[in-house]
Protein backbone atom coordinates (compact mmCIF):
# COMPACT_ATOMS: atom_id res chain seq x y z
CA MET A 1 -12.18 17.82 19.53
CA MET A 2 -16.47 17.37 19.82
CA ARG A 3 -16.35 19.56 16.93
CA LEU A 4 -13.92 17.47 14.97
CA TYR A 5 -16.26 14.19 16.27
CA LEU A 6 -19.50 15.43 14.92
CA LEU A 7 -17.78 16.91 11.52
CA LEU A 8 -16.41 13.00 11.43
CA LEU A 9 -20.11 11.66 12.75
CA TRP A 10 -21.71 14.01 9.40
CA LEU A 11 -18.96 13.03 6.97
CA LEU A 12 -19.39 9.03 7.54
CA ARG A 13 -23.28 9.83 7.35
CA THR A 14 -22.75 11.76 4.19
CA ILE A 15 -20.02 9.93 2.18
CA SER A 16 -22.26 7.07 1.29
CA ALA A 17 -24.62 9.67 -0.66
CA LEU A 18 -21.32 10.97 -2.63
CA ASP A 19 -22.13 11.00 -6.29
CA VAL A 20 -18.94 9.75 -7.50
CA GLN A 21 -18.60 9.57 -10.92
CA SER A 22 -16.30 8.30 -13.51
CA GLY A 23 -15.10 8.86 -17.04
CA PHE A 24 -12.13 7.99 -19.48
CA LYS A 25 -9.55 9.90 -21.29
CA SER A 26 -6.89 9.32 -23.58
CA SER A 27 -3.54 8.74 -22.30
CA GLN A 28 -0.42 8.72 -24.82
CA VAL A 29 1.08 4.67 -24.60
CA ASP A 30 4.86 6.28 -25.04
CA PRO A 31 4.45 9.36 -23.23
CA SER A 32 7.78 9.80 -23.71
CA SER A 33 8.24 9.91 -27.05
CA SER A 34 6.52 13.03 -29.08
CA LEU A 35 6.51 10.26 -32.31
CA ASP A 36 3.75 8.06 -30.62
CA GLN A 37 0.58 8.99 -31.46
CA ARG A 38 -1.15 5.73 -30.07
CA ILE A 39 -3.84 6.10 -26.87
CA PHE A 40 -5.85 4.12 -24.79
CA PRO A 41 -8.40 4.98 -22.44
CA HIS A 42 -8.22 5.67 -19.29
CA PHE A 43 -10.24 5.75 -16.38
CA PHE A 44 -11.16 8.03 -13.97
CA TYR A 45 -13.09 9.02 -11.08
CA TYR A 46 -14.73 12.69 -9.68
CA VAL A 47 -16.63 13.93 -7.60
CA PRO A 48 -17.39 17.68 -7.42
CA ASP A 49 -19.62 18.04 -4.71
CA TYR A 50 -18.10 20.35 -2.79
CA PHE A 51 -15.97 22.30 -4.64
CA LYS A 52 -16.20 26.35 -4.13
CA PRO A 53 -14.16 28.66 -6.18
CA GLY A 54 -10.75 29.24 -5.38
CA GLY A 55 -11.04 25.34 -3.87
CA PRO A 56 -7.91 23.39 -4.59
CA VAL A 57 -7.49 19.89 -6.59
CA LEU A 58 -7.00 16.70 -4.40
CA LEU A 59 -6.16 14.07 -6.94
CA MET A 60 -5.44 10.18 -5.58
CA ALA A 61 -2.65 8.83 -7.01
CA GLY A 62 -3.66 5.20 -7.85
CA PRO A 63 -1.99 2.35 -6.69
CA GLU A 64 -1.77 -1.16 -8.11
CA ARG A 65 -4.95 -2.52 -8.41
CA ALA A 66 -7.88 -1.59 -10.18
CA LEU A 67 -9.77 2.10 -9.12
CA TYR A 68 -12.50 2.01 -6.45
CA THR A 69 -15.05 4.51 -5.67
CA THR A 70 -13.55 4.72 -2.00
CA ASP A 71 -9.91 6.31 -3.56
CA ALA A 72 -12.15 9.28 -4.27
CA ALA A 73 -14.53 8.82 -1.26
CA SER A 74 -11.54 9.11 1.12
CA LEU A 75 -10.69 12.45 0.17
CA ALA A 76 -13.82 13.76 1.10
CA TRP A 77 -12.68 14.95 4.51
CA HIS A 78 -9.93 16.95 3.42
CA ALA A 79 -12.66 18.04 0.28
CA HIS A 80 -15.22 19.36 2.86
CA ASP A 81 -13.21 21.82 4.44
CA LEU A 82 -11.10 22.95 1.74
CA GLY A 83 -13.87 23.39 -0.75
CA GLY A 84 -12.32 20.84 -3.14
CA TYR A 85 -12.49 18.66 -6.19
CA ILE A 86 -11.45 15.54 -5.97
CA VAL A 87 -10.38 13.62 -8.94
CA ALA A 88 -8.34 9.68 -9.00
CA LEU A 89 -6.66 8.53 -11.70
CA GLU A 90 -6.43 4.39 -12.14
CA HIS A 91 -2.77 2.96 -13.22
CA ARG A 92 -2.27 2.26 -16.69
CA TYR A 93 -1.94 -1.55 -16.92
CA TYR A 94 -4.37 -1.71 -14.11
CA GLY A 95 -8.43 -2.30 -13.38
CA LYS A 96 -10.04 -0.67 -17.43
CA SER A 97 -6.77 1.38 -18.00
CA LEU A 98 -5.09 -1.17 -20.49
CA PRO A 99 -2.61 0.37 -22.73
CA PHE A 100 -2.98 -2.58 -25.17
CA GLY A 101 -6.68 -4.55 -24.20
CA ASN A 102 -6.43 -8.14 -23.23
CA SER A 103 -2.92 -8.34 -24.53
CA SER A 104 -1.35 -5.70 -22.08
CA TYR A 105 0.40 -8.25 -20.21
CA GLU A 106 2.70 -9.50 -23.07
CA LEU A 107 6.31 -8.98 -22.54
CA GLN A 108 6.83 -6.99 -25.06
CA ASN A 109 3.70 -4.64 -24.22
CA LEU A 110 4.59 -4.25 -20.31
CA VAL A 111 7.79 -1.95 -21.59
CA HIS A 112 5.71 1.37 -21.41
CA LEU A 113 4.61 0.11 -17.55
CA LYS A 114 7.45 2.51 -16.08
CA ILE A 115 7.36 4.82 -12.97
CA ASP A 116 8.09 7.44 -15.22
CA ASN A 117 5.46 7.21 -17.95
CA VAL A 118 2.55 6.72 -14.28
CA LEU A 119 4.20 10.23 -13.48
CA ALA A 120 3.51 11.51 -17.07
CA ASP A 121 0.09 10.52 -16.66
CA LEU A 122 -0.61 12.08 -13.95
CA ALA A 123 0.62 15.47 -15.32
CA ALA A 124 -1.70 15.38 -18.70
CA PHE A 125 -4.45 14.33 -16.25
CA VAL A 126 -4.09 17.45 -14.64
CA GLN A 127 -3.51 19.43 -17.97
CA TYR A 128 -6.87 17.72 -19.54
CA LEU A 129 -9.07 18.53 -16.11
CA LYS A 130 -8.37 22.33 -16.17
CA ARG A 131 -8.78 22.07 -20.10
CA ALA A 132 -12.07 20.43 -19.80
CA ASN A 133 -13.11 22.24 -16.67
CA PRO A 134 -12.09 26.04 -16.70
CA PHE A 135 -13.34 26.90 -13.32
CA LEU A 136 -10.88 24.45 -12.16
CA GLU A 137 -7.54 26.82 -14.22
CA LYS A 138 -6.52 28.44 -10.97
CA SER A 139 -6.68 26.05 -8.77
CA PRO A 140 -3.88 24.05 -6.90
CA VAL A 141 -3.20 20.45 -7.22
CA PHE A 142 -2.45 18.25 -4.21
CA VAL A 143 -1.79 14.46 -4.49
CA PHE A 144 -2.41 11.72 -2.46
CA GLY A 145 -1.19 8.06 -2.21
CA GLY A 146 -0.62 4.85 0.16
CA SER A 147 2.47 2.36 0.05
CA TYR A 148 3.26 2.60 -3.52
CA GLY A 149 0.30 5.25 -4.33
CA GLY A 150 2.32 7.52 -1.89
CA LEU A 151 5.61 6.65 -3.67
CA LEU A 152 4.15 7.28 -6.65
CA SER A 153 2.56 11.03 -4.93
CA ALA A 154 5.85 12.14 -3.67
CA LEU A 155 7.57 11.05 -6.59
CA PHE A 156 5.11 13.38 -8.58
CA ARG A 157 5.16 16.44 -6.74
CA ILE A 158 9.54 15.36 -6.41
CA LYS A 159 9.43 15.67 -10.46
CA TYR A 160 6.16 17.98 -11.31
CA PRO A 161 6.68 20.91 -8.83
CA ASP A 162 4.68 23.23 -11.31
CA VAL A 163 1.90 20.77 -11.69
CA VAL A 164 1.34 19.50 -8.90
CA ALA A 165 1.20 21.67 -5.45
CA GLY A 166 2.26 19.26 -2.96
CA SER A 167 1.75 15.73 -2.17
CA ILE A 168 0.38 13.88 1.26
CA ALA A 169 2.79 10.37 0.71
CA SER A 170 0.97 8.01 2.81
CA SER A 171 3.70 4.48 4.44
CA ALA A 172 5.96 5.40 0.94
CA PRO A 173 8.37 2.67 0.75
CA MET A 174 10.83 5.82 -0.71
CA PHE A 175 14.03 3.95 0.14
CA LEU A 176 13.08 1.00 -1.70
CA LEU A 177 14.04 2.92 -4.41
CA GLY A 178 17.85 3.64 -4.82
CA SER A 179 19.88 0.94 -4.59
CA GLY A 180 16.86 -1.01 -5.52
CA VAL A 181 17.14 -3.15 -2.20
CA SER A 182 16.44 -2.26 1.30
CA ASP A 183 18.01 -3.36 4.42
CA SER A 184 14.95 -3.20 6.40
CA SER A 185 13.07 -6.69 8.03
CA TRP A 186 9.89 -7.12 7.63
CA PHE A 187 9.25 -9.56 9.97
CA ASP A 188 11.79 -8.46 12.62
CA THR A 189 9.65 -4.74 12.48
CA ALA A 190 6.23 -7.02 12.77
CA SER A 191 7.79 -8.57 15.98
CA GLU A 192 8.56 -4.91 17.59
CA SER A 193 4.76 -4.01 16.44
CA TYR A 194 3.22 -7.25 18.71
CA ILE A 195 5.89 -6.68 21.22
CA ALA A 196 5.04 -3.03 21.65
CA HIS A 197 1.19 -3.54 21.11
CA ASP A 198 1.40 -6.32 24.16
CA GLU A 199 4.91 -7.77 24.98
CA THR A 200 2.98 -10.78 26.77
CA CYS A 201 0.90 -11.31 23.12
CA GLY A 202 4.43 -11.12 21.90
CA SER A 203 5.85 -14.72 24.05
CA GLN A 204 2.63 -16.10 23.93
CA VAL A 205 3.23 -15.64 19.47
CA GLU A 206 7.18 -17.05 19.34
CA ALA A 207 6.02 -19.68 22.10
CA ALA A 208 3.53 -20.66 19.21
CA PHE A 209 5.67 -19.93 16.39
CA SER A 210 8.53 -22.22 18.35
CA LEU A 211 5.59 -25.24 18.96
CA LEU A 212 5.14 -25.26 14.96
CA TRP A 213 8.86 -25.42 13.93
CA SER A 214 9.63 -27.85 16.26
CA ASP A 215 6.87 -30.17 15.40
CA LEU A 216 7.91 -29.89 11.52
CA LEU A 217 11.28 -30.18 12.61
CA GLN A 218 9.91 -33.88 14.09
CA GLY A 219 7.70 -34.81 10.82
CA ASN A 220 4.81 -34.05 12.84
CA ASN A 221 3.09 -32.77 9.95
CA ASP A 222 -0.16 -34.70 10.25
CA LYS A 223 -0.57 -33.43 13.72
CA VAL A 224 -0.02 -29.96 12.25
CA GLN A 225 -1.94 -30.24 9.25
CA THR A 226 -4.98 -31.46 11.74
CA ALA A 227 -3.79 -28.70 14.86
CA LEU A 228 -4.13 -25.78 11.57
CA ASN A 229 -6.89 -27.34 9.27
CA LEU A 230 -4.52 -27.45 6.34
CA CYS A 231 -5.84 -28.77 3.33
CA THR A 232 -2.83 -30.37 2.24
CA SER A 233 0.31 -32.33 4.39
CA PRO A 234 3.02 -29.54 4.91
CA LYS A 235 5.50 -32.73 4.41
CA ASN A 236 8.98 -31.16 2.74
CA LYS A 237 6.81 -27.67 2.29
CA LYS A 238 7.46 -26.17 5.67
CA HIS A 239 9.44 -23.28 3.83
CA ARG A 240 6.21 -23.23 1.91
CA LEU A 241 4.54 -22.70 5.11
CA LEU A 242 6.19 -21.23 7.75
CA PRO A 243 6.08 -17.72 5.51
CA PHE A 244 2.44 -18.21 4.73
CA VAL A 245 2.10 -18.49 8.57
CA LYS A 246 4.41 -15.24 9.50
CA THR A 247 2.93 -12.72 6.33
CA ALA A 248 -1.06 -13.71 8.24
CA PHE A 249 0.58 -12.63 12.07
CA ALA A 250 2.74 -9.08 10.15
CA SER A 251 -0.68 -8.27 7.73
CA ILE A 252 -3.11 -8.52 10.95
CA ALA A 253 -0.80 -5.65 12.33
CA GLN A 254 0.05 -3.72 9.22
CA PHE A 255 -4.11 -3.95 8.34
CA SER A 256 -5.37 -3.45 12.02
CA TYR A 257 -7.71 -0.29 11.99
CA ALA A 258 -10.53 1.00 14.28
CA CYS A 259 -13.28 0.47 11.95
CA PRO A 260 -13.43 -3.27 10.26
CA LYS A 261 -12.18 -2.77 7.15
CA LEU A 262 -9.48 -5.47 4.63
CA MET A 263 -10.43 -8.27 8.13
CA LYS A 264 -13.91 -7.34 9.13
CA VAL A 265 -13.21 -6.60 12.84
CA GLU A 266 -12.07 -3.62 14.64
CA TRP A 267 -8.64 -3.95 15.17
CA PRO A 268 -7.53 -7.17 14.65
CA LEU A 269 -4.21 -7.03 16.57
CA ASP A 270 -6.42 -6.75 19.90
CA LEU A 271 -7.89 -9.79 18.87
CA THR A 272 -5.14 -11.71 17.97
CA CYS A 273 -3.26 -10.92 20.87
CA GLN A 274 -6.61 -11.70 23.16
CA ARG A 275 -6.88 -14.97 21.48
CA PHE A 276 -3.50 -15.86 22.28
CA ASN A 277 -3.18 -14.12 25.91
CA ASP A 278 -5.97 -16.97 26.91
CA ALA A 279 -4.14 -20.14 25.40
CA LYS A 280 -3.02 -21.84 28.19
CA SER A 281 -1.60 -24.90 26.44
CA ALA A 282 0.27 -26.24 23.08
CA PRO A 283 -3.62 -27.34 21.93
CA GLU A 284 -4.78 -23.74 22.36
CA LEU A 285 -1.82 -22.54 21.09
CA TYR A 286 -2.39 -24.05 17.44
CA GLN A 287 -5.85 -23.42 17.96
CA ALA A 288 -4.76 -19.23 18.00
CA LEU A 289 -3.06 -19.86 15.11
CA SER A 290 -5.15 -21.39 13.08
CA GLU A 291 -7.96 -18.75 14.06
CA SER A 292 -4.95 -15.95 13.33
CA LEU A 293 -4.95 -17.86 9.96
CA TRP A 294 -8.77 -18.08 9.26
CA LEU A 295 -9.04 -14.44 10.54
CA TYR A 296 -6.38 -12.72 7.91
CA TYR A 297 -6.98 -15.35 4.95
CA ASN A 298 -10.65 -15.53 5.26
CA SER A 299 -11.86 -12.49 5.44
CA THR A 300 -14.39 -12.94 2.60
CA GLY A 301 -15.61 -16.24 3.95
CA GLU A 302 -14.82 -17.72 1.05
CA LEU A 303 -12.97 -20.92 2.50
CA GLN A 304 -15.45 -23.45 3.96
CA SER A 305 -13.69 -26.37 4.88
CA CYS A 306 -9.84 -26.22 4.99
CA MET A 307 -6.68 -23.67 4.82
CA PRO A 308 -4.44 -24.09 1.74
CA PHE A 309 -1.00 -22.61 1.92
CA GLU A 310 0.16 -23.47 -1.75
CA GLY A 311 -0.52 -23.19 -5.45
CA SER A 312 -3.57 -21.40 -7.25
CA ALA A 313 -5.67 -21.59 -4.32
CA ALA A 314 -3.48 -19.75 -1.94
CA ALA A 315 -2.45 -17.24 -4.42
CA LYS A 316 -6.05 -16.14 -4.86
CA MET A 317 -6.79 -16.10 -0.99
CA GLN A 318 -3.90 -13.82 -1.04
CA SER A 319 -4.94 -11.52 -3.30
CA LEU A 320 -8.54 -11.42 -1.57
CA ALA A 321 -6.81 -10.55 1.63
CA HIS A 322 -4.93 -7.64 0.70
CA GLY A 323 -4.38 -7.21 -3.34
CA PRO A 324 -1.22 -8.19 -5.29
CA PRO A 325 1.40 -9.67 -3.04
CA SER A 326 4.81 -7.71 -2.29
CA PHE A 327 6.89 -9.82 -4.03
CA SER A 328 5.88 -13.66 -4.79
CA PHE A 329 7.49 -16.79 -6.69
CA PRO A 330 6.11 -18.97 -9.25
CA SER A 331 5.86 -22.60 -8.06
CA SER A 332 6.16 -23.56 -11.14
CA MET A 333 10.32 -23.03 -11.09
CA PRO A 334 11.30 -26.24 -9.16
CA SER A 335 14.63 -25.41 -10.32
CA LEU A 336 14.58 -22.17 -8.10
CA ASP A 337 13.48 -23.72 -4.86
CA ALA A 338 16.59 -24.29 -3.20
CA GLU A 339 17.45 -21.15 -3.45
CA LEU A 340 14.86 -19.21 -2.89
CA ASP A 341 14.23 -21.40 0.48
CA GLY A 342 12.72 -19.14 3.13
CA VAL A 343 11.13 -17.08 0.85
CA LEU A 344 6.82 -17.24 0.29
CA VAL A 345 6.13 -19.09 -3.20
CA SER A 346 2.91 -18.82 -4.82
CA PRO A 347 2.48 -18.36 -8.59
CA VAL A 348 1.84 -15.43 -10.76
CA GLY A 349 -1.63 -15.28 -11.84
CA LEU A 350 -2.60 -12.62 -14.16
CA ASP A 351 -3.97 -9.80 -12.03
CA THR A 352 -0.90 -9.83 -10.13
CA VAL A 353 1.62 -9.82 -13.77
CA PRO A 354 1.92 -5.55 -13.52
CA TRP A 355 3.09 -5.64 -9.94
CA HIS A 356 5.50 -8.56 -10.46
CA TYR A 357 6.83 -6.12 -13.14
CA THR A 358 7.26 -3.73 -11.34
CA CYS A 359 9.28 -5.15 -8.76
CA CYS A 360 11.17 -6.48 -11.77
CA THR A 361 12.00 -3.44 -13.25
CA GLU A 362 11.71 -0.61 -10.63
CA PHE A 363 12.22 -1.70 -7.09
CA PHE A 364 12.79 -5.12 -5.33
CA HIS A 365 10.41 -5.48 -2.05
CA PRO A 366 12.62 -7.57 0.28
CA VAL A 367 10.11 -9.28 2.94
CA SER A 368 12.89 -11.07 5.17
CA GLY A 369 13.93 -11.37 8.97
CA LYS A 370 12.77 -13.89 11.70
CA GLY A 371 11.61 -11.77 14.86
CA ILE A 372 8.82 -13.74 17.29
CA PHE A 373 8.37 -16.11 14.50
CA VAL A 374 11.05 -18.37 15.02
CA PHE A 375 11.37 -19.07 11.41
CA ASP A 376 14.47 -16.70 9.27
CA ASN A 377 13.70 -15.48 5.54
CA VAL A 378 16.71 -14.70 4.14
CA PHE A 379 16.37 -12.27 0.87
CA ASN A 380 17.92 -13.28 -1.85
CA GLU A 381 18.84 -10.73 -4.14
CA THR A 382 20.99 -13.23 -6.76
CA ALA A 383 18.08 -15.92 -6.90
CA VAL A 384 15.32 -13.08 -7.44
CA ARG A 385 17.63 -11.05 -10.43
CA SER A 386 17.23 -14.70 -12.21
CA TYR A 387 13.51 -15.15 -11.22
CA CYS A 388 13.32 -12.08 -13.26
CA GLN A 389 15.09 -12.73 -16.25
CA THR A 390 12.70 -16.50 -16.08
CA LEU A 391 9.66 -14.38 -15.92
CA PHE A 392 10.68 -11.51 -17.77
CA PRO A 393 13.55 -12.24 -20.34
CA GLY A 394 15.89 -9.07 -20.82
CA THR A 395 14.24 -6.64 -18.34
CA GLN A 396 17.03 -4.80 -15.99
CA LEU A 397 16.02 -3.38 -12.72
CA ARG A 398 16.59 0.78 -12.98
CA ILE A 399 19.19 2.47 -10.57
CA TYR A 400 17.52 5.49 -8.98
CA ASP A 401 18.82 8.97 -9.26
CA THR A 402 19.60 8.73 -5.39
CA GLY A 403 19.24 12.68 -5.30
CA MET A 404 15.79 12.48 -5.75
CA LEU A 405 15.73 10.68 -2.63
CA PRO A 406 15.50 12.20 0.75
CA THR A 407 18.92 12.19 3.19
CA ASP A 408 19.91 12.26 6.28
CA THR A 409 20.67 15.81 5.81
CA SER A 410 18.92 17.63 3.00
CA VAL A 411 16.27 17.21 0.43
CA SER A 412 15.65 18.57 -3.02
CA PHE A 413 12.55 19.33 -3.13
CA SER A 414 9.84 20.69 -1.36
CA ASN A 415 6.15 20.47 0.29
CA VAL A 416 5.75 16.52 0.74
CA LEU A 417 4.26 15.13 3.43
CA PHE A 418 5.40 11.79 4.23
CA SER A 419 2.94 9.84 7.35
CA SER A 420 3.50 5.97 8.02
CA GLY A 421 1.77 3.95 11.19
CA LYS A 422 3.78 2.43 13.97
CA LEU A 423 2.59 -0.85 13.51
CA GLU A 424 3.23 -1.29 9.61
CA PRO A 425 6.17 -3.64 8.53
CA GLY A 426 7.57 -1.89 6.14
CA ARG A 427 8.16 1.18 8.29
CA GLY A 428 11.83 0.41 7.16
CA TYR A 429 11.84 1.67 3.69
CA MET A 430 9.67 4.49 5.11
CA PRO A 431 11.15 8.64 5.85
CA HIS A 432 11.18 9.10 9.17
CA THR A 433 12.52 12.60 9.40
CA ASN A 434 11.74 16.36 9.54
CA TYR A 435 14.14 16.96 6.46
CA SER A 436 12.85 20.88 6.36
CA ALA A 437 10.43 23.11 7.20
CA THR A 438 8.66 21.90 4.42
CA VAL A 439 9.17 18.44 4.00
CA MET A 440 7.50 16.29 7.37
CA SER A 441 7.68 13.36 8.39
CA PHE A 442 5.25 11.46 10.79
CA VAL A 443 5.31 8.17 12.88
CA VAL A 444 1.85 7.07 14.58
CA GLU A 445 1.37 5.65 17.54
CA ARG A 446 -1.32 2.08 17.00
CA ALA A 447 -1.53 3.33 13.06
CA GLY A 448 -1.48 0.66 10.02
CA HIS A 449 -0.58 0.55 7.27
CA THR A 450 -2.30 4.30 4.92
CA PHE A 451 -4.19 4.93 7.60
CA ASP A 452 -4.70 8.62 6.66
CA VAL A 453 -5.65 7.91 2.94
CA MET A 454 -8.28 5.66 3.84
CA LEU A 455 -11.76 6.73 5.08
CA PRO A 456 -12.07 7.68 8.48
CA CYS A 457 -13.50 5.45 11.86
CA LYS A 458 -15.89 7.16 13.79
CA ASN A 459 -13.36 6.00 16.88
CA GLU A 460 -9.80 6.19 15.74
CA PRO A 461 -7.29 7.24 18.33
CA PRO A 462 -7.16 10.90 18.61
CA ALA A 463 -3.35 10.63 16.80
CA LEU A 464 -5.14 10.14 14.17
CA ALA A 465 -7.60 12.53 13.66
CA SER A 466 -5.30 15.04 15.09
CA LEU A 467 -2.58 14.52 12.16
CA ARG A 468 -5.48 14.48 9.86
CA LEU A 469 -6.38 18.02 11.06
CA PHE A 470 -2.73 19.01 10.38
CA GLU A 471 -2.39 17.85 6.96
CA ARG A 472 -5.35 20.16 6.19
CA ASP A 473 -4.07 22.59 7.80
CA VAL A 474 -0.85 21.98 6.08
CA ILE A 475 -2.52 22.04 2.89
CA ARG A 476 -4.16 25.20 3.57
CA GLY A 477 -0.89 26.74 4.23
CA TRP A 478 0.27 25.17 0.64
CA MET A 479 -2.87 26.51 -1.08
CA HIS A 480 -1.93 30.28 0.23
CA GLN A 481 1.96 29.95 -1.07
CA TRP A 482 0.61 28.71 -4.22
CA ALA A 483 -1.70 31.77 -4.79
CA LEU A 484 1.36 34.55 -3.71
CA GLU A 485 3.79 32.34 -6.07
CA ARG A 486 1.20 33.11 -9.00
CA ASN A 487 0.19 36.63 -7.76
CA SER A 488 -3.36 35.11 -7.41
CA ASN A 489 -6.49 36.24 -5.60
CA ILE A 490 -6.00 34.73 -2.07
CA SER A 491 -9.08 36.25 -0.18
CA THR A 492 -11.34 33.49 -1.54
CA LEU A 493 -8.98 30.87 0.09
CA GLU A 494 -8.99 32.21 3.41
CA SER A 495 -12.61 31.62 3.58
CA TYR A 496 -12.12 27.33 3.82
């Protein structure tokens, strides 16, 4: 363990000096058509620093946002030990990778935003990479991804087993596929995280939400606005305010890490529970509620005087806090408000259009439940389908071949390692079973969302560091398997 700690310290010092380089390749707008020759510039990062002959290609599948240098740098942990060549490909329709430039988000141009096309992009990128770098020709490829990127990572191995040798799929919501709707309850699961972490804290959070709910029902809107330092009165808007507050608490657990990341503090869940455990009165419970909102939504420090909970300001704040929302609804559609009562409402910004399109055409992402948060959210599939037709007329939700997905008894694929954290509200969407000798699932205590495909922390719990080591050893085994199946010389691989 001491060697692991020293290596981690060394990596954390050297990662900041990594030579993360970037480039563009030409990708087909419609990979499914040999007749459609339209192309667009597709952005990627690469890091050759750690590569040694015989080492693997470590590919990060870009998530639903612009690509960051840290998406590539986060793989340095494995690249150092495996002699790996790091690459990260941006997801089409995000960042610099826009098939139709400034017109990419027009409805007629969104038709090529499909998971199948994203997977085809990854396969074509591997081919491009090996043609452009002949020294990589015999290198096995391993794909990584977190959250939606983890889902893509697993699907890439499932659909293209001859291109990619294995997948590390972190926090992959595989069970959002299939019927398209999961029975998992987001806020009930978040409640379990609080109670398991600190039962007293769970009780205190429940008491605070009961107080808030009671005041809203009694019409004490001025009191609530003052206590939470809201920019506008919550009068007649409790169905917007309550999910807004609940989302902050679910996210504090979901994005709780050992080093400052999204919320700029270590272990934000610990900090939140400390504040609630110290609260001895109703005003102090309200103060803890308010501080939790500011902890999550104001991590960038942009807010100065009050907390917006509706409209474009709230939508921007949510986006800054953790990227595109899981699934949100436009406030410009009041005709749907009655049906969507109890669902987080925020406008669709330009940067979230492609994610909304994916959530309307590939899978629904329900956020529902009550738990310790008192106010219930009910996922209304009928209303969501109506919303999707209003926003993207004529689109249909895809029904996936369930043979692609893991079941309780078997899998039809190999070499996928699923991981998830006990602090994740969405872990009900994620695999938790060891399906076969080569399709494994790990749920790690005190771990947040996509923890193992992020830059490691020097003070992270031993279980997280142990999983990273295990993943490295699994990849090493997959390397040998890949070489043996192709009658390659594996002597160079044994030194890593």
